[in-house]
Full PDB file with SEQRES, HELIX, SHEET, SSBOND, CRYST1, ORIGX, SCALE, CONECT and MASTER records, all heavy atoms in Angstrom:
SEQRES   1 A   35  VAL SER ARG THR LEU ILE ALA SER LEU ASN VAL GLU GLY          
SEQRES   2 A   35  ASP ARG GLN VAL PRO LEU HIS ASP TYR LEU GLY ARG VAL          
SEQRES   3 A   35  LEU GLU ILE ASP MET ALA ALA TRP TRP                          
HELIX    1 AA1 SER A    2  THR A    4  5                                   3    
HELIX    2 AA2 PRO A   18  VAL A   26  1                                   9    
HELIX    3 AA3 MET A   31  TRP A   34  1                                   4    
CRYST1    1.000    1.000    1.000  90.00  90.00  90.00 P 1           1          
ORIGX1      1.000000  0.000000  0.000000        0.00000                         
ORIGX2      0.000000  1.000000  0.000000        0.00000                         
ORIGX3      0.000000  0.000000  1.000000        0.00000                         
SCALE1      1.000000  0.000000  0.000000        0.00000                         
SCALE2      0.000000  1.000000  0.000000        0.00000                         
SCALE3      0.000000  0.000000  1.000000        0.00000                         
ATOM      1  N   VAL A   1      20.598 168.262  31.168  1.00  0.00           N  
ATOM      2  CA  VAL A   1      21.213 168.853  32.357  1.00  0.00           C  
ATOM      3  C   VAL A   1      20.353 169.995  32.879  1.00  0.00           C  
ATOM      4  O   VAL A   1      20.065 170.089  34.066  1.00  0.00           O  
ATOM      5  CB  VAL A   1      22.645 169.342  32.052  1.00  0.00           C  
ATOM      6  CG1 VAL A   1      23.207 170.117  33.232  1.00  0.00           C  
ATOM      7  CG2 VAL A   1      23.551 168.157  31.750  1.00  0.00           C  
ATOM      8  N   SER A   2      19.903 170.873  31.971  1.00  0.00           N  
ATOM      9  CA  SER A   2      19.169 172.060  32.417  1.00  0.00           C  
ATOM     10  C   SER A   2      17.835 171.709  33.059  1.00  0.00           C  
ATOM     11  O   SER A   2      17.385 172.393  33.972  1.00  0.00           O  
ATOM     12  CB  SER A   2      18.934 173.000  31.231  1.00  0.00           C  
ATOM     13  OG  SER A   2      18.004 172.449  30.312  1.00  0.00           O  
ATOM     14  N   ARG A   3      17.188 170.618  32.613  1.00  0.00           N  
ATOM     15  CA  ARG A   3      15.876 170.300  33.163  1.00  0.00           C  
ATOM     16  C   ARG A   3      15.948 169.748  34.594  1.00  0.00           C  
ATOM     17  O   ARG A   3      14.930 169.610  35.266  1.00  0.00           O  
ATOM     18  CB  ARG A   3      15.164 169.290  32.276  1.00  0.00           C  
ATOM     19  CG  ARG A   3      15.753 167.890  32.313  1.00  0.00           C  
ATOM     20  CD  ARG A   3      14.989 166.920  31.433  1.00  0.00           C  
ATOM     21  NE  ARG A   3      15.521 165.575  31.539  1.00  0.00           N  
ATOM     22  CZ  ARG A   3      15.004 164.521  30.928  1.00  0.00           C  
ATOM     23  NH1 ARG A   3      13.941 164.669  30.149  1.00  0.00           N  
ATOM     24  NH2 ARG A   3      15.532 163.328  31.071  1.00  0.00           N  
ATOM     25  N   THR A   4      17.160 169.419  35.056  1.00  0.00           N  
ATOM     26  CA  THR A   4      17.298 168.898  36.422  1.00  0.00           C  
ATOM     27  C   THR A   4      17.453 169.998  37.455  1.00  0.00           C  
ATOM     28  O   THR A   4      17.423 169.720  38.654  1.00  0.00           O  
ATOM     29  CB  THR A   4      18.527 167.974  36.526  1.00  0.00           C  
ATOM     30  OG1 THR A   4      19.721 168.744  36.354  1.00  0.00           O  
ATOM     31  CG2 THR A   4      18.482 166.870  35.486  1.00  0.00           C  
ATOM     32  N   LEU A   5      17.670 171.232  37.018  1.00  0.00           N  
ATOM     33  CA  LEU A   5      17.933 172.315  37.966  1.00  0.00           C  
ATOM     34  C   LEU A   5      16.713 172.567  38.841  1.00  0.00           C  
ATOM     35  O   LEU A   5      15.608 172.762  38.336  1.00  0.00           O  
ATOM     36  CB  LEU A   5      18.321 173.590  37.218  1.00  0.00           C  
ATOM     37  CG  LEU A   5      19.625 173.523  36.425  1.00  0.00           C  
ATOM     38  CD1 LEU A   5      19.818 174.802  35.630  1.00  0.00           C  
ATOM     39  CD2 LEU A   5      20.808 173.297  37.353  1.00  0.00           C  
ATOM     40  N   ILE A   6      16.921 172.582  40.131  1.00  0.00           N  
ATOM     41  CA  ILE A   6      15.816 172.840  41.045  1.00  0.00           C  
ATOM     42  C   ILE A   6      15.592 174.342  41.144  1.00  0.00           C  
ATOM     43  O   ILE A   6      16.412 175.148  40.709  1.00  0.00           O  
ATOM     44  CB  ILE A   6      16.104 172.250  42.446  1.00  0.00           C  
ATOM     45  CG1 ILE A   6      17.262 172.999  43.118  1.00  0.00           C  
ATOM     46  CG2 ILE A   6      16.393 170.763  42.361  1.00  0.00           C  
ATOM     47  CD1 ILE A   6      17.447 172.625  44.567  1.00  0.00           C  
ATOM     48  N   ALA A   7      14.443 174.730  41.688  1.00  0.00           N  
ATOM     49  CA  ALA A   7      14.122 176.144  41.848  1.00  0.00           C  
ATOM     50  C   ALA A   7      14.893 176.709  43.036  1.00  0.00           C  
ATOM     51  O   ALA A   7      14.790 176.200  44.148  1.00  0.00           O  
ATOM     52  CB  ALA A   7      12.614 176.315  42.059  1.00  0.00           C  
ATOM     53  N   SER A   8      15.688 177.744  42.786  1.00  0.00           N  
ATOM     54  CA  SER A   8      16.490 178.331  43.850  1.00  0.00           C  
ATOM     55  C   SER A   8      16.352 179.843  43.831  1.00  0.00           C  
ATOM     56  O   SER A   8      15.881 180.426  42.852  1.00  0.00           O  
ATOM     57  CB  SER A   8      17.970 177.951  43.689  1.00  0.00           C  
ATOM     58  OG  SER A   8      18.525 178.593  42.547  1.00  0.00           O  
ATOM     59  N   LEU A   9      16.779 180.464  44.919  1.00  0.00           N  
ATOM     60  CA  LEU A   9      16.660 181.914  45.052  1.00  0.00           C  
ATOM     61  C   LEU A   9      17.810 182.414  45.916  1.00  0.00           C  
ATOM     62  O   LEU A   9      18.329 181.682  46.761  1.00  0.00           O  
ATOM     63  CB  LEU A   9      15.312 182.270  45.704  1.00  0.00           C  
ATOM     64  CG  LEU A   9      14.647 183.582  45.298  1.00  0.00           C  
ATOM     65  CD1 LEU A   9      14.387 183.626  43.805  1.00  0.00           C  
ATOM     66  CD2 LEU A   9      13.330 183.761  46.053  1.00  0.00           C  
ATOM     67  N   ASN A  10      18.194 183.656  45.722  1.00  0.00           N  
ATOM     68  CA  ASN A  10      19.295 184.241  46.485  1.00  0.00           C  
ATOM     69  C   ASN A  10      18.778 184.743  47.834  1.00  0.00           C  
ATOM     70  O   ASN A  10      18.720 185.946  48.094  1.00  0.00           O  
ATOM     71  CB  ASN A  10      19.930 185.394  45.683  1.00  0.00           C  
ATOM     72  CG  ASN A  10      21.066 186.044  46.443  1.00  0.00           C  
ATOM     73  OD1 ASN A  10      21.738 185.405  47.253  1.00  0.00           O  
ATOM     74  ND2 ASN A  10      21.273 187.334  46.205  1.00  0.00           N  
ATOM     75  N   VAL A  11      18.359 183.817  48.670  1.00  0.00           N  
ATOM     76  CA  VAL A  11      17.863 184.134  50.007  1.00  0.00           C  
ATOM     77  C   VAL A  11      18.403 183.092  50.977  1.00  0.00           C  
ATOM     78  O   VAL A  11      18.776 181.992  50.585  1.00  0.00           O  
ATOM     79  CB  VAL A  11      16.312 184.139  50.064  1.00  0.00           C  
ATOM     80  CG1 VAL A  11      15.736 185.230  49.200  1.00  0.00           C  
ATOM     81  CG2 VAL A  11      15.756 182.773  49.658  1.00  0.00           C  
ATOM     82  N   GLU A  12      18.411 183.438  52.238  1.00  0.00           N  
ATOM     83  CA  GLU A  12      18.862 182.488  53.247  1.00  0.00           C  
ATOM     84  C   GLU A  12      17.775 181.466  53.486  1.00  0.00           C  
ATOM     85  O   GLU A  12      16.605 181.802  53.632  1.00  0.00           O  
ATOM     86  CB  GLU A  12      19.184 183.225  54.556  1.00  0.00           C  
ATOM     87  CG  GLU A  12      19.805 182.339  55.624  1.00  0.00           C  
ATOM     88  CD  GLU A  12      20.172 183.144  56.860  1.00  0.00           C  
ATOM     89  OE1 GLU A  12      21.236 183.775  56.870  1.00  0.00           O  
ATOM     90  OE2 GLU A  12      19.359 183.148  57.797  1.00  0.00           O  
ATOM     91  N   GLY A  13      18.121 180.199  53.529  1.00  0.00           N  
ATOM     92  CA  GLY A  13      17.129 179.153  53.764  1.00  0.00           C  
ATOM     93  C   GLY A  13      17.262 178.045  52.746  1.00  0.00           C  
ATOM     94  O   GLY A  13      18.251 177.936  52.026  1.00  0.00           O  
ATOM     95  N   ASP A  14      16.218 177.195  52.658  1.00  0.00           N  
ATOM     96  CA  ASP A  14      16.320 176.008  51.814  1.00  0.00           C  
ATOM     97  C   ASP A  14      16.162 176.308  50.325  1.00  0.00           C  
ATOM     98  O   ASP A  14      16.256 175.415  49.506  1.00  0.00           O  
ATOM     99  CB  ASP A  14      15.295 174.947  52.241  1.00  0.00           C  
ATOM    100  CG  ASP A  14      13.857 175.435  52.127  1.00  0.00           C  
ATOM    101  OD1 ASP A  14      13.659 176.593  51.711  1.00  0.00           O  
ATOM    102  OD2 ASP A  14      12.940 174.657  52.457  1.00  0.00           O  
ATOM    103  N   ARG A  15      15.907 177.568  49.952  1.00  0.00           N  
ATOM    104  CA  ARG A  15      15.871 177.941  48.536  1.00  0.00           C  
ATOM    105  C   ARG A  15      17.261 178.354  48.028  1.00  0.00           C  
ATOM    106  O   ARG A  15      17.456 178.573  46.854  1.00  0.00           O  
ATOM    107  CB  ARG A  15      14.894 179.091  48.310  1.00  0.00           C  
ATOM    108  CG  ARG A  15      13.451 178.675  48.325  1.00  0.00           C  
ATOM    109  CD  ARG A  15      13.040 178.065  47.004  1.00  0.00           C  
ATOM    110  NE  ARG A  15      11.721 177.473  47.130  1.00  0.00           N  
ATOM    111  CZ  ARG A  15      11.507 176.221  47.434  1.00  0.00           C  
ATOM    112  NH1 ARG A  15      12.538 175.407  47.633  1.00  0.00           N  
ATOM    113  NH2 ARG A  15      10.292 175.745  47.538  1.00  0.00           N  
ATOM    114  N   GLN A  16      18.225 178.492  48.924  1.00  0.00           N  
ATOM    115  CA  GLN A  16      19.547 178.980  48.539  1.00  0.00           C  
ATOM    116  C   GLN A  16      20.431 177.833  48.067  1.00  0.00           C  
ATOM    117  O   GLN A  16      20.613 176.844  48.775  1.00  0.00           O  
ATOM    118  CB  GLN A  16      20.208 179.701  49.721  1.00  0.00           C  
ATOM    119  CG  GLN A  16      21.494 180.423  49.355  1.00  0.00           C  
ATOM    120  CD  GLN A  16      22.055 181.210  50.521  1.00  0.00           C  
ATOM    121  OE1 GLN A  16      22.126 180.684  51.622  1.00  0.00           O  
ATOM    122  NE2 GLN A  16      22.433 182.457  50.296  1.00  0.00           N  
ATOM    123  N   VAL A  17      20.963 177.951  46.862  1.00  0.00           N  
ATOM    124  CA  VAL A  17      21.876 176.959  46.299  1.00  0.00           C  
ATOM    125  C   VAL A  17      23.095 177.707  45.771  1.00  0.00           C  
ATOM    126  O   VAL A  17      23.064 178.265  44.666  1.00  0.00           O  
ATOM    127  CB  VAL A  17      21.212 176.148  45.173  1.00  0.00           C  
ATOM    128  CG1 VAL A  17      22.200 175.151  44.578  1.00  0.00           C  
ATOM    129  CG2 VAL A  17      19.978 175.412  45.687  1.00  0.00           C  
ATOM    130  N   PRO A  18      24.177 177.773  46.532  1.00  0.00           N  
ATOM    131  CA  PRO A  18      25.357 178.535  46.103  1.00  0.00           C  
ATOM    132  C   PRO A  18      25.899 178.124  44.736  1.00  0.00           C  
ATOM    133  O   PRO A  18      26.396 178.964  43.993  1.00  0.00           O  
ATOM    134  CB  PRO A  18      26.374 178.254  47.219  1.00  0.00           C  
ATOM    135  CG  PRO A  18      25.532 177.961  48.426  1.00  0.00           C  
ATOM    136  CD  PRO A  18      24.336 177.234  47.900  1.00  0.00           C  
ATOM    137  N   LEU A  19      25.796 176.830  44.397  1.00  0.00           N  
ATOM    138  CA  LEU A  19      26.315 176.391  43.107  1.00  0.00           C  
ATOM    139  C   LEU A  19      25.537 177.022  41.952  1.00  0.00           C  
ATOM    140  O   LEU A  19      26.089 177.301  40.886  1.00  0.00           O  
ATOM    141  CB  LEU A  19      26.264 174.863  43.013  1.00  0.00           C  
ATOM    142  CG  LEU A  19      26.896 174.234  41.764  1.00  0.00           C  
ATOM    143  CD1 LEU A  19      28.314 174.737  41.545  1.00  0.00           C  
ATOM    144  CD2 LEU A  19      26.877 172.718  41.865  1.00  0.00           C  
ATOM    145  N   HIS A  20      24.236 177.276  42.150  1.00  0.00           N  
ATOM    146  CA  HIS A  20      23.456 177.968  41.125  1.00  0.00           C  
ATOM    147  C   HIS A  20      23.955 179.401  40.949  1.00  0.00           C  
ATOM    148  O   HIS A  20      24.031 179.913  39.821  1.00  0.00           O  
ATOM    149  CB  HIS A  20      21.975 177.981  41.501  1.00  0.00           C  
ATOM    150  CG  HIS A  20      21.288 176.685  41.254  1.00  0.00           C  
ATOM    151  ND1 HIS A  20      19.937 176.513  41.419  1.00  0.00           N  
ATOM    152  CD2 HIS A  20      21.770 175.475  40.848  1.00  0.00           C  
ATOM    153  CE1 HIS A  20      19.608 175.261  41.134  1.00  0.00           C  
ATOM    154  NE2 HIS A  20      20.711 174.621  40.789  1.00  0.00           N  
ATOM    155  N   ASP A  21      24.275 180.055  42.076  1.00  0.00           N  
ATOM    156  CA  ASP A  21      24.808 181.413  41.984  1.00  0.00           C  
ATOM    157  C   ASP A  21      26.128 181.415  41.216  1.00  0.00           C  
ATOM    158  O   ASP A  21      26.405 182.312  40.422  1.00  0.00           O  
ATOM    159  CB  ASP A  21      25.007 181.999  43.386  1.00  0.00           C  
ATOM    160  CG  ASP A  21      23.681 182.321  44.056  1.00  0.00           C  
ATOM    161  OD1 ASP A  21      22.861 183.005  43.425  1.00  0.00           O  
ATOM    162  OD2 ASP A  21      23.472 181.891  45.196  1.00  0.00           O  
ATOM    163  N   TYR A  22      26.953 180.404  41.464  1.00  0.00           N  
ATOM    164  CA  TYR A  22      28.236 180.304  40.751  1.00  0.00           C  
ATOM    165  C   TYR A  22      28.003 180.134  39.252  1.00  0.00           C  
ATOM    166  O   TYR A  22      28.638 180.796  38.428  1.00  0.00           O  
ATOM    167  CB  TYR A  22      29.048 179.135  41.301  1.00  0.00           C  
ATOM    168  CG  TYR A  22      30.372 178.945  40.604  1.00  0.00           C  
ATOM    169  CD1 TYR A  22      31.456 179.759  40.908  1.00  0.00           C  
ATOM    170  CD2 TYR A  22      30.523 177.968  39.629  1.00  0.00           C  
ATOM    171  CE1 TYR A  22      32.667 179.601  40.257  1.00  0.00           C  
ATOM    172  CE2 TYR A  22      31.727 177.799  38.970  1.00  0.00           C  
ATOM    173  CZ  TYR A  22      32.797 178.617  39.295  1.00  0.00           C  
ATOM    174  OH  TYR A  22      33.986 178.466  38.642  1.00  0.00           O  
ATOM    175  N   LEU A  23      27.061 179.249  38.872  1.00  0.00           N  
ATOM    176  CA  LEU A  23      26.752 179.049  37.459  1.00  0.00           C  
ATOM    177  C   LEU A  23      26.264 180.344  36.827  1.00  0.00           C  
ATOM    178  O   LEU A  23      26.639 180.689  35.699  1.00  0.00           O  
ATOM    179  CB  LEU A  23      25.697 177.952  37.293  1.00  0.00           C  
ATOM    180  CG  LEU A  23      26.114 176.525  37.651  1.00  0.00           C  
ATOM    181  CD1 LEU A  23      24.920 175.594  37.541  1.00  0.00           C  
ATOM    182  CD2 LEU A  23      27.250 176.045  36.784  1.00  0.00           C  
ATOM    183  N   GLY A  24      25.382 181.051  37.544  1.00  0.00           N  
ATOM    184  CA  GLY A  24      24.861 182.307  37.020  1.00  0.00           C  
ATOM    185  C   GLY A  24      25.953 183.334  36.789  1.00  0.00           C  
ATOM    186  O   GLY A  24      25.929 184.081  35.807  1.00  0.00           O  
ATOM    187  N   ARG A  25      26.945 183.358  37.680  1.00  0.00           N  
ATOM    188  CA  ARG A  25      28.054 184.297  37.533  1.00  0.00           C  
ATOM    189  C   ARG A  25      28.960 183.888  36.366  1.00  0.00           C  
ATOM    190  O   ARG A  25      29.407 184.730  35.581  1.00  0.00           O  
ATOM    191  CB  ARG A  25      28.865 184.363  38.833  1.00  0.00           C  
ATOM    192  CG  ARG A  25      28.121 184.997  39.995  1.00  0.00           C  
ATOM    193  CD  ARG A  25      27.981 186.509  39.813  1.00  0.00           C  
ATOM    194  NE  ARG A  25      29.269 187.189  39.857  1.00  0.00           N  
ATOM    195  CZ  ARG A  25      29.854 187.623  40.981  1.00  0.00           C  
ATOM    196  NH1 ARG A  25      29.235 187.463  42.138  1.00  0.00           N  
ATOM    197  NH2 ARG A  25      31.017 188.228  40.946  1.00  0.00           N  
ATOM    198  N   VAL A  26      29.250 182.592  36.245  1.00  0.00           N  
ATOM    199  CA  VAL A  26      30.104 182.124  35.148  1.00  0.00           C  
ATOM    200  C   VAL A  26      29.448 182.400  33.796  1.00  0.00           C  
ATOM    201  O   VAL A  26      30.109 182.789  32.829  1.00  0.00           O  
ATOM    202  CB  VAL A  26      30.399 180.618  35.305  1.00  0.00           C  
ATOM    203  CG1 VAL A  26      31.085 180.067  34.070  1.00  0.00           C  
ATOM    204  CG2 VAL A  26      31.282 180.386  36.526  1.00  0.00           C  
ATOM    205  N   LEU A  27      28.132 182.210  33.723  1.00  0.00           N  
ATOM    206  CA  LEU A  27      27.403 182.432  32.473  1.00  0.00           C  
ATOM    207  C   LEU A  27      27.123 183.907  32.216  1.00  0.00           C  
ATOM    208  O   LEU A  27      26.591 184.258  31.163  1.00  0.00           O  
ATOM    209  CB  LEU A  27      26.082 181.658  32.508  1.00  0.00           C  
ATOM    210  CG  LEU A  27      26.205 180.141  32.407  1.00  0.00           C  
ATOM    211  CD1 LEU A  27      24.915 179.467  32.826  1.00  0.00           C  
ATOM    212  CD2 LEU A  27      26.581 179.740  30.996  1.00  0.00           C  
ATOM    213  N   GLU A  28      27.449 184.755  33.188  1.00  0.00           N  
ATOM    214  CA  GLU A  28      27.225 186.197  33.060  1.00  0.00           C  
ATOM    215  C   GLU A  28      25.782 186.505  32.670  1.00  0.00           C  
ATOM    216  O   GLU A  28      25.498 187.274  31.750  1.00  0.00           O  
ATOM    217  CB  GLU A  28      28.189 186.803  32.038  1.00  0.00           C  
ATOM    218  CG  GLU A  28      29.652 186.684  32.438  1.00  0.00           C  
ATOM    219  CD  GLU A  28      30.604 187.358  31.459  1.00  0.00           C  
ATOM    220  OE1 GLU A  28      30.423 187.140  30.243  1.00  0.00           O  
ATOM    221  OE2 GLU A  28      31.488 188.078  31.908  1.00  0.00           O  
ATOM    222  N   ILE A  29      24.856 185.881  33.386  1.00  0.00           N  
ATOM    223  CA  ILE A  29      23.435 186.054  33.073  1.00  0.00           C  
ATOM    224  C   ILE A  29      22.998 187.473  33.399  1.00  0.00           C  
ATOM    225  O   ILE A  29      23.206 187.966  34.508  1.00  0.00           O  
ATOM    226  CB  ILE A  29      22.583 185.036  33.848  1.00  0.00           C  
ATOM    227  CG1 ILE A  29      22.909 183.615  33.380  1.00  0.00           C  
ATOM    228  CG2 ILE A  29      21.094 185.324  33.661  1.00  0.00           C  
ATOM    229  CD1 ILE A  29      22.179 182.533  34.134  1.00  0.00           C  
ATOM    230  N   ASP A  30      22.390 188.118  32.437  1.00  0.00           N  
ATOM    231  CA  ASP A  30      21.836 189.462  32.622  1.00  0.00           C  
ATOM    232  C   ASP A  30      20.391 189.305  33.089  1.00  0.00           C  
ATOM    233  O   ASP A  30      19.469 189.224  32.281  1.00  0.00           O  
ATOM    234  CB  ASP A  30      21.911 190.232  31.300  1.00  0.00           C  
ATOM    235  CG  ASP A  30      21.422 191.667  31.433  1.00  0.00           C  
ATOM    236  OD1 ASP A  30      21.026 192.052  32.552  1.00  0.00           O  
ATOM    237  OD2 ASP A  30      21.437 192.393  30.429  1.00  0.00           O  
ATOM    238  N   MET A  31      20.177 189.240  34.396  1.00  0.00           N  
ATOM    239  CA  MET A  31      18.850 188.972  34.929  1.00  0.00           C  
ATOM    240  C   MET A  31      17.835 190.007  34.485  1.00  0.00           C  
ATOM    241  O   MET A  31      16.664 189.687  34.208  1.00  0.00           O  
ATOM    242  CB  MET A  31      18.915 188.915  36.464  1.00  0.00           C  
ATOM    243  CG  MET A  31      17.587 188.614  37.134  1.00  0.00           C  
ATOM    244  SD  MET A  31      16.867 187.035  36.626  1.00  0.00           S  
ATOM    245  CE  MET A  31      18.024 185.899  37.356  1.00  0.00           C  
ATOM    246  N   ALA A  32      18.238 191.283  34.399  1.00  0.00           N  
ATOM    247  CA  ALA A  32      17.295 192.340  34.026  1.00  0.00           C  
ATOM    248  C   ALA A  32      16.771 192.170  32.606  1.00  0.00           C  
ATOM    249  O   ALA A  32      15.679 192.642  32.282  1.00  0.00           O  
ATOM    250  CB  ALA A  32      17.962 193.707  34.178  1.00  0.00           C  
ATOM    251  N   ALA A  33      17.545 191.499  31.745  1.00  0.00           N  
ATOM    252  CA  ALA A  33      17.099 191.273  30.374  1.00  0.00           C  
ATOM    253  C   ALA A  33      16.051 190.183  30.282  1.00  0.00           C  
ATOM    254  O   ALA A  33      15.301 190.112  29.304  1.00  0.00           O  
ATOM    255  CB  ALA A  33      18.297 190.915  29.487  1.00  0.00           C  
ATOM    256  N   TRP A  34      15.976 189.341  31.318  1.00  0.00           N  
ATOM    257  CA  TRP A  34      15.073 188.183  31.265  1.00  0.00           C  
ATOM    258  C   TRP A  34      13.910 188.281  32.237  1.00  0.00           C  
ATOM    259  O   TRP A  34      12.920 187.560  32.081  1.00  0.00           O  
ATOM    260  CB  TRP A  34      15.876 186.905  31.567  1.00  0.00           C  
ATOM    261  CG  TRP A  34      16.792 186.566  30.455  1.00  0.00           C  
ATOM    262  CD1 TRP A  34      18.115 186.844  30.343  1.00  0.00           C  
ATOM    263  CD2 TRP A  34      16.439 185.893  29.242  1.00  0.00           C  
ATOM    264  NE1 TRP A  34      18.609 186.399  29.161  1.00  0.00           N  
ATOM    265  CE2 TRP A  34      17.593 185.803  28.459  1.00  0.00           C  
ATOM    266  CE3 TRP A  34      15.248 185.364  28.746  1.00  0.00           C  
ATOM    267  CZ2 TRP A  34      17.615 185.210  27.211  1.00  0.00           C  
ATOM    268  CZ3 TRP A  34      15.268 184.763  27.514  1.00  0.00           C  
ATOM    269  CH2 TRP A  34      16.432 184.687  26.762  1.00  0.00           C  
ATOM    270  N   TRP A  35      14.012 189.127  33.226  1.00  0.00           N  
ATOM    271  CA  TRP A  35      12.928 189.211  34.214  1.00  0.00           C  
ATOM    272  C   TRP A  35      12.808 190.650  34.703  1.00  0.00           C  
ATOM    273  O   TRP A  35      13.803 191.258  35.101  1.00  0.00           O  
ATOM    274  CB  TRP A  35      13.210 188.288  35.397  1.00  0.00           C  
ATOM    275  CG  TRP A  35      12.107 188.260  36.412  1.00  0.00           C  
ATOM    276  CD1 TRP A  35      11.009 187.453  36.416  1.00  0.00           C  
ATOM    277  CD2 TRP A  35      11.999 189.077  37.597  1.00  0.00           C  
ATOM    278  NE1 TRP A  35      10.219 187.707  37.506  1.00  0.00           N  
ATOM    279  CE2 TRP A  35      10.805 188.705  38.258  1.00  0.00           C  
ATOM    280  CE3 TRP A  35      12.783 190.075  38.163  1.00  0.00           C  
ATOM    281  CZ2 TRP A  35      10.388 189.295  39.444  1.00  0.00           C  
ATOM    282  CZ3 TRP A  35      12.367 190.671  39.342  1.00  0.00           C  
ATOM    283  CH2 TRP A  35      11.185 190.279  39.971  1.00  0.00           C  
TER     284      TRP A  35                                                      
MASTER        0    0    0    3    0    0    0    6  283    1    0    3          
END                                                                             
């Protein structure tokens, strides 16, 4: 499942995937710890 995720970003345009943002929020990803 994880290898199918496309590259997305929190910007307006074709890089924006709201479902990815939802997954990130549900998983409580600490972005600062990883990047």
